[in-house]
Amino acid sequence: MVGRRHATQEARRRGVALSSRVEAVVASILAYRKSKSIGSKKKTRQLIAEALGYSEKSLRQAEEVVIAAERFPERYAHLVSEMDRTGNINAAFLQMTALAATQRIFRAPDAKPKT
């Protein structure tokens, strides 16, 4: 585990984007699982999170930000670049949810009381 964390810290220092690290780790874990057909008690998401040095919650948040940016690039693409630049997943996730809530508020039809 120490080696993985050191590699993650080194990648952060070198400026390797979070999205690139996720792709590399996912590919290597999936390839390993295919070749060994191991019966690990850990889920793939746990393995990926550990290899990146993040919690499962942070990994889920990063995935949601990336998916939102792919679906609505004009609204959320800047959050992915900010997340890659700063390494702060939670800030990008909170900004995404705030933007999404704002969109819902302005799109919501006027509520009229039933009489």
C-alpha atoms as a PDB file:
ATOM      1  CA  MET A   1       0.000   0.000   0.000  1.00  0.00           C
ATOM      2  CA  VAL A   2       2.852   2.370   0.727  1.00  0.00           C
ATOM      3  CA  GLY A   3       4.102   1.971  -2.838  1.00  0.00           C
ATOM      4  CA  ARG A   4       0.730   2.883  -4.318  1.00  0.00           C
ATOM      5  CA  ARG A   5       0.386   5.966  -2.160  1.00  0.00           C
ATOM      6  CA  HIS A   6       3.928   7.049  -3.052  1.00  0.00           C
ATOM      7  CA  ALA A   7       3.179   6.582  -6.745  1.00  0.00           C
ATOM      8  CA  THR A   8       0.000   8.637  -6.409  1.00  0.00           C
ATOM      9  CA  GLN A   9       1.818  11.455  -4.634  1.00  0.00           C
ATOM     10  CA  GLU A  10       4.529  11.373  -7.291  1.00  0.00           C
ATOM     11  CA  ALA A  11       1.900  11.582 -10.041  1.00  0.00           C
ATOM     12  CA  ARG A  12       0.323  14.582  -8.326  1.00  0.00           C
ATOM     13  CA  ARG A  13       3.707  16.313  -8.105  1.00  0.00           C
ATOM     14  CA  ARG A  14       4.407  15.692 -11.771  1.00  0.00           C
ATOM     15  CA  GLY A  15       1.041  17.166 -12.745  1.00  0.00           C
ATOM     16  CA  VAL A  16      -0.546  14.014 -14.128  1.00  0.00           C
ATOM     17  CA  ALA A  17      -4.270  14.676 -14.467  1.00  0.00           C
ATOM     18  CA  LEU A  18      -6.625  12.817 -12.175  1.00  0.00           C
ATOM     19  CA  SER A  19      -8.635  11.595 -15.152  1.00  0.00           C
ATOM     20  CA  SER A  20      -5.494  10.050 -16.687  1.00  0.00           C
ATOM     21  CA  ARG A  21      -4.615   8.323 -13.418  1.00  0.00           C
ATOM     22  CA  VAL A  22      -8.133   6.882 -13.128  1.00  0.00           C
ATOM     23  CA  GLU A  23      -7.976   5.455 -16.645  1.00  0.00           C
ATOM     24  CA  ALA A  24      -4.586   3.831 -16.059  1.00  0.00           C
ATOM     25  CA  VAL A  25      -5.525   2.271 -12.729  1.00  0.00           C
ATOM     26  CA  VAL A  26      -8.886   0.973 -13.969  1.00  0.00           C
ATOM     27  CA  ALA A  27      -7.245  -0.639 -16.981  1.00  0.00           C
ATOM     28  CA  SER A  28      -4.550  -2.338 -14.932  1.00  0.00           C
ATOM     29  CA  ILE A  29      -6.955  -3.663 -12.286  1.00  0.00           C
ATOM     30  CA  LEU A  30      -9.406  -4.979 -14.863  1.00  0.00           C
ATOM     31  CA  ALA A  31      -6.587  -6.649 -16.790  1.00  0.00           C
ATOM     32  CA  TYR A  32      -5.277  -8.255 -13.601  1.00  0.00           C
ATOM     33  CA  ARG A  33      -8.715  -9.529 -12.622  1.00  0.00           C
ATOM     34  CA  LYS A  34      -9.237 -11.018 -16.095  1.00  0.00           C
ATOM     35  CA  SER A  35      -5.896 -12.778 -16.152  1.00  0.00           C
ATOM     36  CA  LYS A  36      -6.018 -14.176 -12.610  1.00  0.00           C
ATOM     37  CA  SER A  37      -9.750 -14.677 -12.116  1.00  0.00           C
ATOM     38  CA  ILE A  38      -9.239 -13.904  -8.450  1.00  0.00           C
ATOM     39  CA  GLY A  39     -11.998 -14.099  -5.903  1.00  0.00           C
ATOM     40  CA  SER A  40     -11.105 -10.921  -4.085  1.00  0.00           C
ATOM     41  CA  LYS A  41     -13.432  -9.768  -1.344  1.00  0.00           C
ATOM     42  CA  LYS A  42     -12.738  -6.182  -2.306  1.00  0.00           C
ATOM     43  CA  LYS A  43     -14.857  -4.556  -4.961  1.00  0.00           C
ATOM     44  CA  THR A  44     -13.235  -3.107  -8.034  1.00  0.00           C
ATOM     45  CA  ARG A  45     -14.195   0.404  -6.921  1.00  0.00           C
ATOM     46  CA  GLN A  46     -12.367  -0.162  -3.610  1.00  0.00           C
ATOM     47  CA  LEU A  47      -9.251  -1.328  -5.421  1.00  0.00           C
ATOM     48  CA  ILE A  48      -9.297   1.651  -7.767  1.00  0.00           C
ATOM     49  CA  ALA A  49      -9.821   4.102  -4.896  1.00  0.00           C
ATOM     50  CA  GLU A  50      -6.967   2.579  -2.894  1.00  0.00           C
ATOM     51  CA  ALA A  51      -4.640   2.636  -5.879  1.00  0.00           C
ATOM     52  CA  LEU A  52      -5.375   6.318  -6.476  1.00  0.00           C
ATOM     53  CA  GLY A  53      -5.072   7.202  -2.805  1.00  0.00           C
ATOM     54  CA  TYR A  54      -8.663   8.434  -2.539  1.00  0.00           C
ATOM     55  CA  SER A  55     -11.718   7.200  -0.687  1.00  0.00           C
ATOM     56  CA  GLU A  56     -14.565   5.443  -2.477  1.00  0.00           C
ATOM     57  CA  LYS A  57     -16.735   8.513  -1.866  1.00  0.00           C
ATOM     58  CA  SER A  58     -14.193  10.789  -3.566  1.00  0.00           C
ATOM     59  CA  LEU A  59     -13.925   8.398  -6.494  1.00  0.00           C
ATOM     60  CA  ARG A  60     -17.726   8.369  -6.880  1.00  0.00           C
ATOM     61  CA  GLN A  61     -17.803  12.169  -6.751  1.00  0.00           C
ATOM     62  CA  ALA A  62     -15.070  12.417  -9.392  1.00  0.00           C
ATOM     63  CA  GLU A  63     -17.013  10.030 -11.638  1.00  0.00           C
ATOM     64  CA  GLU A  64     -20.164  12.112 -11.276  1.00  0.00           C
ATOM     65  CA  VAL A  65     -18.322  15.317 -12.193  1.00  0.00           C
ATOM     66  CA  VAL A  66     -16.778  13.673 -15.262  1.00  0.00           C
ATOM     67  CA  ILE A  67     -20.107  12.181 -16.381  1.00  0.00           C
ATOM     68  CA  ALA A  68     -21.850  15.538 -15.968  1.00  0.00           C
ATOM     69  CA  ALA A  69     -19.114  17.205 -18.016  1.00  0.00           C
ATOM     70  CA  GLU A  70     -19.499  14.625 -20.781  1.00  0.00           C
ATOM     71  CA  ARG A  71     -23.275  15.064 -20.895  1.00  0.00           C
ATOM     72  CA  PHE A  72     -23.302  18.867 -20.569  1.00  0.00           C
ATOM     73  CA  PRO A  73     -19.855  20.173 -21.513  1.00  0.00           C
ATOM     74  CA  GLU A  74     -20.964  23.806 -21.748  1.00  0.00           C
ATOM     75  CA  ARG A  75     -21.993  23.752 -18.072  1.00  0.00           C
ATOM     76  CA  TYR A  76     -19.523  21.430 -16.360  1.00  0.00           C
ATOM     77  CA  ALA A  77     -16.372  20.971 -18.491  1.00  0.00           C
ATOM     78  CA  HIS A  78     -14.517  23.684 -16.574  1.00  0.00           C
ATOM     79  CA  LEU A  79     -15.025  21.692 -13.354  1.00  0.00           C
ATOM     80  CA  VAL A  80     -13.074  18.709 -14.722  1.00  0.00           C
ATOM     81  CA  SER A  81     -10.128  20.895 -15.691  1.00  0.00           C
ATOM     82  CA  GLU A  82     -10.255  22.595 -12.286  1.00  0.00           C
ATOM     83  CA  MET A  83     -10.416  19.203 -10.544  1.00  0.00           C
ATOM     84  CA  ASP A  84      -7.417  17.989 -12.565  1.00  0.00           C
ATOM     85  CA  ARG A  85      -5.493  21.195 -11.846  1.00  0.00           C
ATOM     86  CA  THR A  86      -6.117  21.358  -8.098  1.00  0.00           C
ATOM     87  CA  GLY A  87      -6.735  17.700  -7.226  1.00  0.00           C
ATOM     88  CA  ASN A  88      -9.691  18.836  -5.117  1.00  0.00           C
ATOM     89  CA  ILE A  89     -12.543  16.493  -6.002  1.00  0.00           C
ATOM     90  CA  ASN A  90     -14.952  17.678  -3.325  1.00  0.00           C
ATOM     91  CA  ALA A  91     -14.824  21.328  -4.416  1.00  0.00           C
ATOM     92  CA  ALA A  92     -15.615  20.393  -8.016  1.00  0.00           C
ATOM     93  CA  PHE A  93     -18.435  18.107  -6.877  1.00  0.00           C
ATOM     94  CA  LEU A  94     -19.974  20.801  -4.656  1.00  0.00           C
ATOM     95  CA  GLN A  95     -19.801  23.348  -7.468  1.00  0.00           C
ATOM     96  CA  MET A  96     -21.445  20.849  -9.822  1.00  0.00           C
ATOM     97  CA  THR A  97     -24.303  20.176  -7.418  1.00  0.00           C
ATOM     98  CA  ALA A  98     -24.791  23.918  -6.831  1.00  0.00           C
ATOM     99  CA  LEU A  99     -24.918  24.566 -10.585  1.00  0.00           C
ATOM    100  CA  ALA A 100     -27.347  21.685 -11.060  1.00  0.00           C
ATOM    101  CA  ALA A 101     -29.595  22.992  -8.293  1.00  0.00           C
ATOM    102  CA  THR A 102     -29.577  26.441  -9.864  1.00  0.00           C
ATOM    103  CA  GLN A 103     -30.569  24.940 -13.206  1.00  0.00           C
ATOM    104  CA  ARG A 104     -33.452  23.069 -11.574  1.00  0.00           C
ATOM    105  CA  ILE A 105     -34.694  26.206  -9.819  1.00  0.00           C
ATOM    106  CA  PHE A 106     -34.774  28.275 -12.995  1.00  0.00           C
ATOM    107  CA  ARG A 107     -36.350  25.498 -15.062  1.00  0.00           C
ATOM    108  CA  ALA A 108     -39.044  24.640 -12.518  1.00  0.00           C
ATOM    109  CA  PRO A 109     -42.536  25.730 -13.568  1.00  0.00           C
ATOM    110  CA  ASP A 110     -44.269  28.248 -11.363  1.00  0.00           C
ATOM    111  CA  ALA A 111     -46.031  26.409  -8.607  1.00  0.00           C
ATOM    112  CA  LYS A 112     -49.640  27.454  -8.285  1.00  0.00           C
ATOM    113  CA  PRO A 113     -51.658  26.352  -5.291  1.00  0.00           C
ATOM    114  CA  LYS A 114     -54.549  24.034  -6.093  1.00  0.00           C
ATOM    115  CA  THR A 115     -57.937  25.490  -5.340  1.00  0.00           C
END
